Amino acid sequence: MEGMPEGVLGLRFSGEISRGDYEEVLMPAIDEAAGNDQPFRCLCELDADFEGYEAGAVWEDIKTGAKYVVGHHANWHRMALVTDVEWIRRATALFGWMSPGELKLFGLTELEAAKEWVAG
């Protein structure tokens, strides 16, 4: 994702996320960002076209969570979730407390504020 503050991993999700998306795009980006001992900061934008995950991607998401959220829990500093997708907003309100570090929800029109917050 372009225009991200230094030290922030920016990810944009659109359509349906596949297992290939995890293996070819998401995992290499997270490996690189989490591979150092710096606080991990991530901004995830889920646009209006976000449909969710295909079955294989759900399994990859579970493995990713186990590896990076649990295994590198202390490195997670901030995550900004930017979306207007209602079911994601509701799920974040219910389960966001489980996120390592700080998690803050922003609407799509608040992208710049999300970038400032996650970098802070």
PDB file of N, CA and C in Angstrom:
ATOM      1  N   MET A   1       0.852  -1.170   0.000  1.00  0.00           N
ATOM      2  CA  MET A   1       0.000   0.000   0.000  1.00  0.00           C
ATOM      3  C   MET A   1       0.900   1.236   0.000  1.00  0.00           C
ATOM      4  N   GLU A   2       0.657   2.145  -0.910  1.00  0.00           N
ATOM      5  CA  GLU A   2       1.499   3.329  -1.061  1.00  0.00           C
ATOM      6  C   GLU A   2       1.152   4.398  -0.042  1.00  0.00           C
ATOM      7  N   GLY A   3       2.123   5.273   0.212  1.00  0.00           N
ATOM      8  CA  GLY A   3       1.892   6.428   1.064  1.00  0.00           C
ATOM      9  C   GLY A   3       1.810   6.126   2.551  1.00  0.00           C
ATOM     10  N   MET A   4       2.430   5.037   2.982  1.00  0.00           N
ATOM     11  CA  MET A   4       2.392   4.682   4.392  1.00  0.00           C
ATOM     12  C   MET A   4       3.533   5.364   5.134  1.00  0.00           C
ATOM     13  N   PRO A   5       3.305   5.733   6.384  1.00  0.00           N
ATOM     14  CA  PRO A   5       4.393   6.285   7.190  1.00  0.00           C
ATOM     15  C   PRO A   5       5.516   5.253   7.346  1.00  0.00           C
ATOM     16  N   GLU A   6       6.722   5.726   7.564  1.00  0.00           N
ATOM     17  CA  GLU A   6       7.854   4.828   7.747  1.00  0.00           C
ATOM     18  C   GLU A   6       7.607   3.893   8.931  1.00  0.00           C
ATOM     19  N   GLY A   7       7.912   2.633   8.733  1.00  0.00           N
ATOM     20  CA  GLY A   7       7.763   1.651   9.791  1.00  0.00           C
ATOM     21  C   GLY A   7       6.370   1.067   9.933  1.00  0.00           C
ATOM     22  N   VAL A   8       5.459   1.401   9.000  1.00  0.00           N
ATOM     23  CA  VAL A   8       4.085   0.894   9.051  1.00  0.00           C
ATOM     24  C   VAL A   8       3.847   0.011   7.828  1.00  0.00           C
ATOM     25  N   LEU A   9       3.366  -1.196   8.080  1.00  0.00           N
ATOM     26  CA  LEU A   9       2.974  -2.095   6.998  1.00  0.00           C
ATOM     27  C   LEU A   9       1.545  -1.752   6.608  1.00  0.00           C
ATOM     28  N   GLY A  10       1.324  -1.447   5.346  1.00  0.00           N
ATOM     29  CA  GLY A  10      -0.005  -1.121   4.852  1.00  0.00           C
ATOM     30  C   GLY A  10      -0.533  -2.210   3.944  1.00  0.00           C
ATOM     31  N   LEU A  11      -1.733  -2.696   4.242  1.00  0.00           N
ATOM     32  CA  LEU A  11      -2.348  -3.771   3.461  1.00  0.00           C
ATOM     33  C   LEU A  11      -3.745  -3.340   3.033  1.00  0.00           C
ATOM     34  N   ARG A  12      -4.080  -3.567   1.758  1.00  0.00           N
ATOM     35  CA  ARG A  12      -5.423  -3.257   1.258  1.00  0.00           C
ATOM     36  C   ARG A  12      -6.057  -4.560   0.780  1.00  0.00           C
ATOM     37  N   PHE A  13      -7.253  -4.831   1.285  1.00  0.00           N
ATOM     38  CA  PHE A  13      -7.978  -6.047   0.945  1.00  0.00           C
ATOM     39  C   PHE A  13      -9.213  -5.688   0.124  1.00  0.00           C
ATOM     40  N   SER A  14      -9.417  -6.437  -0.952  1.00  0.00           N
ATOM     41  CA  SER A  14     -10.556  -6.210  -1.830  1.00  0.00           C
ATOM     42  C   SER A  14     -11.007  -7.551  -2.387  1.00  0.00           C
ATOM     43  N   GLY A  15     -12.295  -7.680  -2.617  1.00  0.00           N
ATOM     44  CA  GLY A  15     -12.810  -8.935  -3.175  1.00  0.00           C
ATOM     45  C   GLY A  15     -12.693 -10.063  -2.180  1.00  0.00           C
ATOM     46  N   GLU A  16     -12.471 -11.266  -2.688  1.00  0.00           N
ATOM     47  CA  GLU A  16     -12.334 -12.446  -1.837  1.00  0.00           C
ATOM     48  C   GLU A  16     -10.858 -12.783  -1.684  1.00  0.00           C
ATOM     49  N   ILE A  17     -10.423 -12.994  -0.455  1.00  0.00           N
ATOM     50  CA  ILE A  17      -9.031 -13.312  -0.173  1.00  0.00           C
ATOM     51  C   ILE A  17      -8.818 -14.810  -0.361  1.00  0.00           C
ATOM     52  N   SER A  18      -7.816 -15.153  -1.156  1.00  0.00           N
ATOM     53  CA  SER A  18      -7.536 -16.562  -1.461  1.00  0.00           C
ATOM     54  C   SER A  18      -6.306 -17.038  -0.702  1.00  0.00           C
ATOM     55  N   ARG A  19      -6.115 -18.343  -0.722  1.00  0.00           N
ATOM     56  CA  ARG A  19      -4.919 -18.929  -0.119  1.00  0.00           C
ATOM     57  C   ARG A  19      -3.663 -18.384  -0.814  1.00  0.00           C
ATOM     58  N   GLY A  20      -3.736 -18.237  -2.116  1.00  0.00           N
ATOM     59  CA  GLY A  20      -2.613 -17.672  -2.869  1.00  0.00           C
ATOM     60  C   GLY A  20      -2.278 -16.256  -2.439  1.00  0.00           C
ATOM     61  N   ASP A  21      -3.305 -15.463  -2.123  1.00  0.00           N
ATOM     62  CA  ASP A  21      -3.061 -14.106  -1.623  1.00  0.00           C
ATOM     63  C   ASP A  21      -2.225 -14.150  -0.351  1.00  0.00           C
ATOM     64  N   TYR A  22      -2.549 -15.093   0.525  1.00  0.00           N
ATOM     65  CA  TYR A  22      -1.785 -15.251   1.757  1.00  0.00           C
ATOM     66  C   TYR A  22      -0.347 -15.638   1.465  1.00  0.00           C
ATOM     67  N   GLU A  23      -0.165 -16.661   0.638  1.00  0.00           N
ATOM     68  CA  GLU A  23       1.164 -17.193   0.387  1.00  0.00           C
ATOM     69  C   GLU A  23       2.049 -16.254  -0.412  1.00  0.00           C
ATOM     70  N   GLU A  24       1.473 -15.536  -1.382  1.00  0.00           N
ATOM     71  CA  GLU A  24       2.265 -14.732  -2.306  1.00  0.00           C
ATOM     72  C   GLU A  24       2.376 -13.265  -1.913  1.00  0.00           C
ATOM     73  N   VAL A  25       1.408 -12.744  -1.156  1.00  0.00           N
ATOM     74  CA  VAL A  25       1.403 -11.315  -0.846  1.00  0.00           C
ATOM     75  C   VAL A  25       1.504 -11.058   0.651  1.00  0.00           C
ATOM     76  N   LEU A  26       0.549 -11.577   1.391  1.00  0.00           N
ATOM     77  CA  LEU A  26       0.449 -11.242   2.809  1.00  0.00           C
ATOM     78  C   LEU A  26       1.612 -11.780   3.636  1.00  0.00           C
ATOM     79  N   MET A  27       1.908 -13.066   3.521  1.00  0.00           N
ATOM     80  CA  MET A  27       2.956 -13.668   4.344  1.00  0.00           C
ATOM     81  C   MET A  27       4.335 -13.053   4.100  1.00  0.00           C
ATOM     82  N   PRO A  28       4.764 -12.843   2.858  1.00  0.00           N
ATOM     83  CA  PRO A  28       6.068 -12.210   2.671  1.00  0.00           C
ATOM     84  C   PRO A  28       6.131 -10.799   3.275  1.00  0.00           C
ATOM     85  N   ALA A  29       5.044 -10.039   3.168  1.00  0.00           N
ATOM     86  CA  ALA A  29       5.033  -8.689   3.737  1.00  0.00           C
ATOM     87  C   ALA A  29       5.118  -8.739   5.257  1.00  0.00           C
ATOM     88  N   ILE A  30       4.364  -9.638   5.875  1.00  0.00           N
ATOM     89  CA  ILE A  30       4.400  -9.758   7.338  1.00  0.00           C
ATOM     90  C   ILE A  30       5.746 -10.317   7.794  1.00  0.00           C
ATOM     91  N   ASP A  31       6.286 -11.298   7.072  1.00  0.00           N
ATOM     92  CA  ASP A  31       7.604 -11.843   7.421  1.00  0.00           C
ATOM     93  C   ASP A  31       8.655 -10.741   7.464  1.00  0.00           C
ATOM     94  N   GLU A  32       8.624  -9.896   6.455  1.00  0.00           N
ATOM     95  CA  GLU A  32       9.603  -8.809   6.394  1.00  0.00           C
ATOM     96  C   GLU A  32       9.398  -7.812   7.533  1.00  0.00           C
ATOM     97  N   ALA A  33       8.156  -7.407   7.759  1.00  0.00           N
ATOM     98  CA  ALA A  33       7.873  -6.405   8.786  1.00  0.00           C
ATOM     99  C   ALA A  33       8.101  -6.938  10.197  1.00  0.00           C
ATOM    100  N   ALA A  34       7.752  -8.189  10.435  1.00  0.00           N
ATOM    101  CA  ALA A  34       7.872  -8.767  11.775  1.00  0.00           C
ATOM    102  C   ALA A  34       9.255  -9.364  12.012  1.00  0.00           C
ATOM    103  N   GLY A  35      10.090  -9.386  10.993  1.00  0.00           N
ATOM    104  CA  GLY A  35      11.395 -10.016  11.103  1.00  0.00           C
ATOM    105  C   GLY A  35      12.414  -9.233  11.900  1.00  0.00           C
ATOM    106  N   ASN A  36      12.100  -8.001  12.227  1.00  0.00           N
ATOM    107  CA  ASN A  36      13.026  -7.242  13.058  1.00  0.00           C
ATOM    108  C   ASN A  36      12.439  -7.113  14.470  1.00  0.00           C
ATOM    109  N   ASP A  37      13.189  -6.510  15.345  1.00  0.00           N
ATOM    110  CA  ASP A  37      12.731  -6.394  16.731  1.00  0.00           C
ATOM    111  C   ASP A  37      12.027  -5.070  17.003  1.00  0.00           C
ATOM    112  N   GLN A  38      11.648  -4.356  15.961  1.00  0.00           N
ATOM    113  CA  GLN A  38      10.945  -3.088  16.122  1.00  0.00           C
ATOM    114  C   GLN A  38       9.471  -3.335  16.416  1.00  0.00           C
ATOM    115  N   PRO A  39       8.812  -2.382  17.076  1.00  0.00           N
ATOM    116  CA  PRO A  39       7.360  -2.524  17.287  1.00  0.00           C
ATOM    117  C   PRO A  39       6.652  -2.666  15.939  1.00  0.00           C
ATOM    118  N   PHE A  40       5.748  -3.621  15.862  1.00  0.00           N
ATOM    119  CA  PHE A  40       5.036  -3.903  14.617  1.00  0.00           C
ATOM    120  C   PHE A  40       3.801  -3.011  14.528  1.00  0.00           C
ATOM    121  N   ARG A  41       3.712  -2.242  13.448  1.00  0.00           N
ATOM    122  CA  ARG A  41       2.587  -1.343  13.195  1.00  0.00           C
ATOM    123  C   ARG A  41       2.002  -1.715  11.842  1.00  0.00           C
ATOM    124  N   CYS A  42       0.693  -1.862  11.798  1.00  0.00           N
ATOM    125  CA  CYS A  42       0.048  -2.319  10.581  1.00  0.00           C
ATOM    126  C   CYS A  42      -1.254  -1.559  10.367  1.00  0.00           C
ATOM    127  N   LEU A  43      -1.498  -1.176   9.125  1.00  0.00           N
ATOM    128  CA  LEU A  43      -2.771  -0.567   8.734  1.00  0.00           C
ATOM    129  C   LEU A  43      -3.403  -1.489   7.707  1.00  0.00           C
ATOM    130  N   CYS A  44      -4.612  -1.937   7.994  1.00  0.00           N
ATOM    131  CA  CYS A  44      -5.353  -2.806   7.077  1.00  0.00           C
ATOM    132  C   CYS A  44      -6.578  -2.063   6.584  1.00  0.00           C
ATOM    133  N   GLU A  45      -6.679  -1.900   5.281  1.00  0.00           N
ATOM    134  CA  GLU A  45      -7.847  -1.259   4.675  1.00  0.00           C
ATOM    135  C   GLU A  45      -8.658  -2.324   3.950  1.00  0.00           C
ATOM    136  N   LEU A  46      -9.914  -2.465   4.344  1.00  0.00           N
ATOM    137  CA  LEU A  46     -10.835  -3.391   3.695  1.00  0.00           C
ATOM    138  C   LEU A  46     -11.847  -2.536   2.958  1.00  0.00           C
ATOM    139  N   ASP A  47     -11.754  -2.503   1.638  1.00  0.00           N
ATOM    140  CA  ASP A  47     -12.624  -1.607   0.884  1.00  0.00           C
ATOM    141  C   ASP A  47     -14.050  -2.140   0.790  1.00  0.00           C
ATOM    142  N   ALA A  48     -14.902  -1.381   0.175  1.00  0.00           N
ATOM    143  CA  ALA A  48     -16.328  -1.721   0.091  1.00  0.00           C
ATOM    144  C   ALA A  48     -16.567  -3.012  -0.682  1.00  0.00           C
ATOM    145  N   ASP A  49     -15.608  -3.438  -1.506  1.00  0.00           N
ATOM    146  CA  ASP A  49     -15.741  -4.667  -2.289  1.00  0.00           C
ATOM    147  C   ASP A  49     -15.261  -5.911  -1.547  1.00  0.00           C
ATOM    148  N   PHE A  50     -14.777  -5.749  -0.310  1.00  0.00           N
ATOM    149  CA  PHE A  50     -14.272  -6.891   0.446  1.00  0.00           C
ATOM    150  C   PHE A  50     -15.397  -7.883   0.696  1.00  0.00           C
ATOM    151  N   GLU A  51     -15.167  -9.145   0.300  1.00  0.00           N
ATOM    152  CA  GLU A  51     -16.190 -10.185   0.412  1.00  0.00           C
ATOM    153  C   GLU A  51     -15.894 -11.205   1.493  1.00  0.00           C
ATOM    154  N   GLY A  52     -14.658 -11.288   1.929  1.00  0.00           N
ATOM    155  CA  GLY A  52     -14.278 -12.275   2.931  1.00  0.00           C
ATOM    156  C   GLY A  52     -13.197 -13.193   2.409  1.00  0.00           C
ATOM    157  N   TYR A  53     -13.156 -14.408   2.959  1.00  0.00           N
ATOM    158  CA  TYR A  53     -12.099 -15.361   2.674  1.00  0.00           C
ATOM    159  C   TYR A  53     -12.648 -16.616   2.016  1.00  0.00           C
ATOM    160  N   GLU A  54     -11.898 -17.167   1.071  1.00  0.00           N
ATOM    161  CA  GLU A  54     -12.252 -18.491   0.580  1.00  0.00           C
ATOM    162  C   GLU A  54     -11.779 -19.498   1.635  1.00  0.00           C
ATOM    163  N   ALA A  55     -12.259 -20.726   1.558  1.00  0.00           N
ATOM    164  CA  ALA A  55     -11.990 -21.730   2.598  1.00  0.00           C
ATOM    165  C   ALA A  55     -10.496 -21.910   2.874  1.00  0.00           C
ATOM    166  N   GLY A  56      -9.683 -22.009   1.848  1.00  0.00           N
ATOM    167  CA  GLY A  56      -8.242 -22.192   2.054  1.00  0.00           C
ATOM    168  C   GLY A  56      -7.598 -21.006   2.729  1.00  0.00           C
ATOM    169  N   ALA A  57      -8.121 -19.828   2.505  1.00  0.00           N
ATOM    170  CA  ALA A  57      -7.567 -18.628   3.120  1.00  0.00           C
ATOM    171  C   ALA A  57      -7.900 -18.563   4.607  1.00  0.00           C
ATOM    172  N   VAL A  58      -9.037 -19.117   5.002  1.00  0.00           N
ATOM    173  CA  VAL A  58      -9.382 -19.139   6.423  1.00  0.00           C
ATOM    174  C   VAL A  58      -8.330 -19.927   7.190  1.00  0.00           C
ATOM    175  N   TRP A  59      -7.934 -21.076   6.659  1.00  0.00           N
ATOM    176  CA  TRP A  59      -6.901 -21.875   7.305  1.00  0.00           C
ATOM    177  C   TRP A  59      -5.584 -21.110   7.376  1.00  0.00           C
ATOM    178  N   GLU A  60      -5.210 -20.424   6.306  1.00  0.00           N
ATOM    179  CA  GLU A  60      -3.990 -19.626   6.309  1.00  0.00           C
ATOM    180  C   GLU A  60      -4.077 -18.515   7.356  1.00  0.00           C
ATOM    181  N   ASP A  61      -5.266 -17.922   7.515  1.00  0.00           N
ATOM    182  CA  ASP A  61      -5.458 -16.871   8.507  1.00  0.00           C
ATOM    183  C   ASP A  61      -5.242 -17.409   9.918  1.00  0.00           C
ATOM    184  N   ILE A  62      -5.735 -18.590  10.184  1.00  0.00           N
ATOM    185  CA  ILE A  62      -5.551 -19.213  11.498  1.00  0.00           C
ATOM    186  C   ILE A  62      -4.063 -19.474  11.753  1.00  0.00           C
ATOM    187  N   LYS A  63      -3.363 -20.006  10.751  1.00  0.00           N
ATOM    188  CA  LYS A  63      -1.934 -20.270  10.913  1.00  0.00           C
ATOM    189  C   LYS A  63      -1.154 -18.972  11.094  1.00  0.00           C
ATOM    190  N   THR A  64      -1.529 -17.931  10.350  1.00  0.00           N
ATOM    191  CA  THR A  64      -0.878 -16.638  10.469  1.00  0.00           C
ATOM    192  C   THR A  64      -1.052 -16.092  11.873  1.00  0.00           C
ATOM    193  N   GLY A  65      -2.260 -16.179  12.386  1.00  0.00           N
ATOM    194  CA  GLY A  65      -2.526 -15.715  13.746  1.00  0.00           C
ATOM    195  C   GLY A  65      -1.682 -16.439  14.762  1.00  0.00           C
ATOM    196  N   ALA A  66      -1.584 -17.736  14.627  1.00  0.00           N
ATOM    197  CA  ALA A  66      -0.791 -18.516  15.569  1.00  0.00           C
ATOM    198  C   ALA A  66       0.688 -18.139  15.501  1.00  0.00           C
ATOM    199  N   LYS A  67       1.178 -17.955  14.300  1.00  0.00           N
ATOM    200  CA  LYS A  67       2.600 -17.669  14.127  1.00  0.00           C
ATOM    201  C   LYS A  67       2.973 -16.258  14.562  1.00  0.00           C
ATOM    202  N   TYR A  68       2.198 -15.272  14.130  1.00  0.00           N
ATOM    203  CA  TYR A  68       2.597 -13.882  14.346  1.00  0.00           C
ATOM    204  C   TYR A  68       1.934 -13.210  15.536  1.00  0.00           C
ATOM    205  N   VAL A  69       0.690 -13.488  15.766  1.00  0.00           N
ATOM    206  CA  VAL A  69       0.015 -12.834  16.883  1.00  0.00           C
ATOM    207  C   VAL A  69       0.453 -13.456  18.193  1.00  0.00           C
ATOM    208  N   VAL A  70       0.449 -14.762  18.261  1.00  0.00           N
ATOM    209  CA  VAL A  70       0.855 -15.444  19.491  1.00  0.00           C
ATOM    210  C   VAL A  70       2.377 -15.462  19.608  1.00  0.00           C
ATOM    211  N   GLY A  71       3.045 -15.860  18.551  1.00  0.00           N
ATOM    212  CA  GLY A  71       4.499 -16.000  18.592  1.00  0.00           C
ATOM    213  C   GLY A  71       5.257 -14.700  18.726  1.00  0.00           C
ATOM    214  N   HIS A  72       4.710 -13.607  18.246  1.00  0.00           N
ATOM    215  CA  HIS A  72       5.382 -12.301  18.311  1.00  0.00           C
ATOM    216  C   HIS A  72       4.497 -11.287  19.033  1.00  0.00           C
ATOM    217  N   HIS A  73       3.742 -11.744  20.017  1.00  0.00           N
ATOM    218  CA  HIS A  73       2.761 -10.903  20.707  1.00  0.00           C
ATOM    219  C   HIS A  73       3.380  -9.601  21.218  1.00  0.00           C
ATOM    220  N   ALA A  74       4.551  -9.662  21.796  1.00  0.00           N
ATOM    221  CA  ALA A  74       5.179  -8.477  22.387  1.00  0.00           C
ATOM    222  C   ALA A  74       5.593  -7.456  21.328  1.00  0.00           C
ATOM    223  N   ASN A  75       5.805  -7.896  20.084  1.00  0.00           N
ATOM    224  CA  ASN A  75       6.232  -6.968  19.024  1.00  0.00           C
ATOM    225  C   ASN A  75       5.079  -6.156  18.441  1.00  0.00           C
ATOM    226  N   TRP A  76       3.836  -6.620  18.598  1.00  0.00           N
ATOM    227  CA  TRP A  76       2.696  -5.907  18.026  1.00  0.00           C
ATOM    228  C   TRP A  76       2.461  -4.641  18.825  1.00  0.00           C
ATOM    229  N   HIS A  77       2.480  -3.509  18.156  1.00  0.00           N
ATOM    230  CA  HIS A  77       2.284  -2.246  18.847  1.00  0.00           C
ATOM    231  C   HIS A  77       0.905  -1.654  18.533  1.00  0.00           C
ATOM    232  N   ARG A  78       0.667  -1.396  17.257  1.00  0.00           N
ATOM    233  CA  ARG A  78      -0.610  -0.797  16.857  1.00  0.00           C
ATOM    234  C   ARG A  78      -1.086  -1.379  15.535  1.00  0.00           C
ATOM    235  N   MET A  79      -2.420  -1.520  15.446  1.00  0.00           N
ATOM    236  CA  MET A  79      -3.029  -1.905  14.175  1.00  0.00           C
ATOM    237  C   MET A  79      -4.254  -1.030  13.960  1.00  0.00           C
ATOM    238  N   ALA A  80      -4.295  -0.379  12.810  1.00  0.00           N
ATOM    239  CA  ALA A  80      -5.449   0.411  12.405  1.00  0.00           C
ATOM    240  C   ALA A  80      -6.234  -0.399  11.391  1.00  0.00           C
ATOM    241  N   LEU A  81      -7.512  -0.559  11.634  1.00  0.00           N
ATOM    242  CA  LEU A  81      -8.395  -1.265  10.711  1.00  0.00           C
ATOM    243  C   LEU A  81      -9.311  -0.220  10.087  1.00  0.00           C
ATOM    244  N   VAL A  82      -9.221  -0.078   8.770  1.00  0.00           N
ATOM    245  CA  VAL A  82      -9.965   0.952   8.044  1.00  0.00           C
ATOM    246  C   VAL A  82     -10.990   0.265   7.152  1.00  0.00           C
ATOM    247  N   THR A  83     -12.278   0.457   7.474  1.00  0.00           N
ATOM    248  CA  THR A  83     -13.326  -0.191   6.689  1.00  0.00           C
ATOM    249  C   THR A  83     -14.690   0.406   7.006  1.00  0.00           C
ATOM    250  N   ASP A  84     -15.568   0.278   6.055  1.00  0.00           N
ATOM    251  CA  ASP A  84     -16.987   0.583   6.258  1.00  0.00           C
ATOM    252  C   ASP A  84     -17.824  -0.685   6.140  1.00  0.00           C
ATOM    253  N   VAL A  85     -17.170  -1.843   5.974  1.00  0.00           N
ATOM    254  CA  VAL A  85     -17.875  -3.118   5.855  1.00  0.00           C
ATOM    255  C   VAL A  85     -18.475  -3.426   7.231  1.00  0.00           C
ATOM    256  N   GLU A  86     -19.794  -3.430   7.297  1.00  0.00           N
ATOM    257  CA  GLU A  86     -20.485  -3.494   8.581  1.00  0.00           C
ATOM    258  C   GLU A  86     -20.182  -4.764   9.370  1.00  0.00           C
ATOM    259  N   TRP A  87     -20.137  -5.929   8.728  1.00  0.00           N
ATOM    260  CA  TRP A  87     -19.903  -7.148   9.497  1.00  0.00           C
ATOM    261  C   TRP A  87     -18.497  -7.182  10.082  1.00  0.00           C
ATOM    262  N   ILE A  88     -17.529  -6.554   9.406  1.00  0.00           N
ATOM    263  CA  ILE A  88     -16.166  -6.466   9.939  1.00  0.00           C
ATOM    264  C   ILE A  88     -16.148  -5.512  11.137  1.00  0.00           C
ATOM    265  N   ARG A  89     -16.862  -4.407  11.029  1.00  0.00           N
ATOM    266  CA  ARG A  89     -16.923  -3.446  12.130  1.00  0.00           C
ATOM    267  C   ARG A  89     -17.555  -4.092  13.373  1.00  0.00           C
ATOM    268  N   ARG A  90     -18.619  -4.857  13.173  1.00  0.00           N
ATOM    269  CA  ARG A  90     -19.268  -5.529  14.310  1.00  0.00           C
ATOM    270  C   ARG A  90     -18.350  -6.580  14.923  1.00  0.00           C
ATOM    271  N   ALA A  91     -17.696  -7.373  14.076  1.00  0.00           N
ATOM    272  CA  ALA A  91     -16.783  -8.397  14.586  1.00  0.00           C
ATOM    273  C   ALA A  91     -15.624  -7.766  15.354  1.00  0.00           C
ATOM    274  N   THR A  92     -15.135  -6.627  14.880  1.00  0.00           N
ATOM    275  CA  THR A  92     -14.050  -5.932  15.571  1.00  0.00           C
ATOM    276  C   THR A  92     -14.518  -5.426  16.927  1.00  0.00           C
ATOM    277  N   ALA A  93     -15.737  -4.911  16.982  1.00  0.00           N
ATOM    278  CA  ALA A  93     -16.286  -4.447  18.253  1.00  0.00           C
ATOM    279  C   ALA A  93     -16.401  -5.603  19.253  1.00  0.00           C
ATOM    280  N   LEU A  94     -16.744  -6.788  18.772  1.00  0.00           N
ATOM    281  CA  LEU A  94     -16.902  -7.945  19.655  1.00  0.00           C
ATOM    282  C   LEU A  94     -15.575  -8.594  20.046  1.00  0.00           C
ATOM    283  N   PHE A  95     -14.667  -8.724  19.078  1.00  0.00           N
ATOM    284  CA  PHE A  95     -13.458  -9.507  19.306  1.00  0.00           C
ATOM    285  C   PHE A  95     -12.160  -8.702  19.260  1.00  0.00           C
ATOM    286  N   GLY A  96     -12.240  -7.406  19.085  1.00  0.00           N
ATOM    287  CA  GLY A  96     -11.043  -6.573  18.984  1.00  0.00           C
ATOM    288  C   GLY A  96     -10.155  -6.622  20.209  1.00  0.00           C
ATOM    289  N   TRP A  97     -10.745  -6.888  21.369  1.00  0.00           N
ATOM    290  CA  TRP A  97      -9.972  -6.966  22.607  1.00  0.00           C
ATOM    291  C   TRP A  97      -8.941  -8.093  22.562  1.00  0.00           C
ATOM    292  N   MET A  98      -9.139  -9.054  21.680  1.00  0.00           N
ATOM    293  CA  MET A  98      -8.211 -10.179  21.568  1.00  0.00           C
ATOM    294  C   MET A  98      -6.953  -9.814  20.775  1.00  0.00           C
ATOM    295  N   SER A  99      -6.984  -8.690  20.106  1.00  0.00           N
ATOM    296  CA  SER A  99      -5.861  -8.263  19.282  1.00  0.00           C
ATOM    297  C   SER A  99      -4.667  -7.878  20.166  1.00  0.00           C
ATOM    298  N   PRO A 100      -3.472  -8.286  19.763  1.00  0.00           N
ATOM    299  CA  PRO A 100      -2.299  -7.846  20.518  1.00  0.00           C
ATOM    300  C   PRO A 100      -2.054  -6.362  20.276  1.00  0.00           C
ATOM    301  N   GLY A 101      -1.474  -5.691  21.216  1.00  0.00           N
ATOM    302  CA  GLY A 101      -1.217  -4.268  21.059  1.00  0.00           C
ATOM    303  C   GLY A 101      -2.517  -3.492  21.006  1.00  0.00           C
ATOM    304  N   GLU A 102      -2.445  -2.288  20.483  1.00  0.00           N
ATOM    305  CA  GLU A 102      -3.626  -1.447  20.350  1.00  0.00           C
ATOM    306  C   GLU A 102      -4.277  -1.677  18.992  1.00  0.00           C
ATOM    307  N   LEU A 103      -5.594  -1.695  18.974  1.00  0.00           N
ATOM    308  CA  LEU A 103      -6.363  -1.816  17.741  1.00  0.00           C
ATOM    309  C   LEU A 103      -7.379  -0.690  17.723  1.00  0.00           C
ATOM    310  N   LYS A 104      -7.442   0.022  16.617  1.00  0.00           N
ATOM    311  CA  LYS A 104      -8.416   1.096  16.490  1.00  0.00           C
ATOM    312  C   LYS A 104      -9.099   0.987  15.137  1.00  0.00           C
ATOM    313  N   LEU A 105     -10.392   1.194  15.141  1.00  0.00           N
ATOM    314  CA  LEU A 105     -11.231   1.088  13.950  1.00  0.00           C
ATOM    315  C   LEU A 105     -11.470   2.475  13.368  1.00  0.00           C
ATOM    316  N   PHE A 106     -11.336   2.585  12.032  1.00  0.00           N
ATOM    317  CA  PHE A 106     -11.553   3.837  11.310  1.00  0.00           C
ATOM    318  C   PHE A 106     -12.466   3.563  10.113  1.00  0.00           C
ATOM    319  N   GLY A 107     -13.229   4.558   9.701  1.00  0.00           N
ATOM    320  CA  GLY A 107     -14.007   4.472   8.482  1.00  0.00           C
ATOM    321  C   GLY A 107     -13.122   4.777   7.276  1.00  0.00           C
ATOM    322  N   LEU A 108     -13.598   4.440   6.080  1.00  0.00           N
ATOM    323  CA  LEU A 108     -12.805   4.657   4.868  1.00  0.00           C
ATOM    324  C   LEU A 108     -12.449   6.121   4.645  1.00  0.00           C
ATOM    325  N   THR A 109     -13.295   7.033   5.067  1.00  0.00           N
ATOM    326  CA  THR A 109     -12.992   8.455   4.891  1.00  0.00           C
ATOM    327  C   THR A 109     -11.947   8.947   5.902  1.00  0.00           C
ATOM    328  N   GLU A 110     -11.563   8.097   6.833  1.00  0.00           N
ATOM    329  CA  GLU A 110     -10.605   8.474   7.878  1.00  0.00           C
ATOM    330  C   GLU A 110      -9.219   7.856   7.658  1.00  0.00           C
ATOM    331  N   LEU A 111      -8.903   7.515   6.424  1.00  0.00           N
ATOM    332  CA  LEU A 111      -7.642   6.839   6.119  1.00  0.00           C
ATOM    333  C   LEU A 111      -6.437   7.642   6.598  1.00  0.00           C
ATOM    334  N   GLU A 112      -6.407   8.921   6.349  1.00  0.00           N
ATOM    335  CA  GLU A 112      -5.253   9.730   6.761  1.00  0.00           C
ATOM    336  C   GLU A 112      -5.116   9.785   8.277  1.00  0.00           C
ATOM    337  N   ALA A 113      -6.233   9.875   8.983  1.00  0.00           N
ATOM    338  CA  ALA A 113      -6.191   9.850  10.451  1.00  0.00           C
ATOM    339  C   ALA A 113      -5.680   8.502  10.943  1.00  0.00           C
ATOM    340  N   ALA A 114      -6.055   7.433  10.266  1.00  0.00           N
ATOM    341  CA  ALA A 114      -5.591   6.098  10.633  1.00  0.00           C
ATOM    342  C   ALA A 114      -4.076   5.982  10.458  1.00  0.00           C
ATOM    343  N   LYS A 115      -3.564   6.546   9.365  1.00  0.00           N
ATOM    344  CA  LYS A 115      -2.113   6.530   9.132  1.00  0.00           C
ATOM    345  C   LYS A 115      -1.385   7.278  10.241  1.00  0.00           C
ATOM    346  N   GLU A 116      -1.898   8.437  10.614  1.00  0.00           N
ATOM    347  CA  GLU A 116      -1.256   9.221  11.688  1.00  0.00           C
ATOM    348  C   GLU A 116      -1.289   8.466  13.006  1.00  0.00           C
ATOM    349  N   TRP A 117      -2.447   7.872  13.334  1.00  0.00           N
ATOM    350  CA  TRP A 117      -2.587   7.168  14.609  1.00  0.00           C
ATOM    351  C   TRP A 117      -1.645   5.961  14.679  1.00  0.00           C
ATOM    352  N   VAL A 118      -1.643   5.137  13.635  1.00  0.00           N
ATOM    353  CA  VAL A 118      -0.845   3.907  13.675  1.00  0.00           C
ATOM    354  C   VAL A 118       0.649   4.221  13.738  1.00  0.00           C
ATOM    355  N   ALA A 119       1.080   5.328  13.161  1.00  0.00           N
ATOM    356  CA  ALA A 119       2.488   5.715  13.169  1.00  0.00           C
ATOM    357  C   ALA A 119       2.904   6.324  14.511  1.00  0.00           C
ATOM    358  N   GLY A 120       1.947   6.795  15.303  1.00  0.00           N
ATOM    359  CA  GLY A 120       2.225   7.492  16.565  1.00  0.00           C
ATOM    360  C   GLY A 120       2.744   6.607  17.650  1.00  0.00           C
TER     361      GLY A 120
END
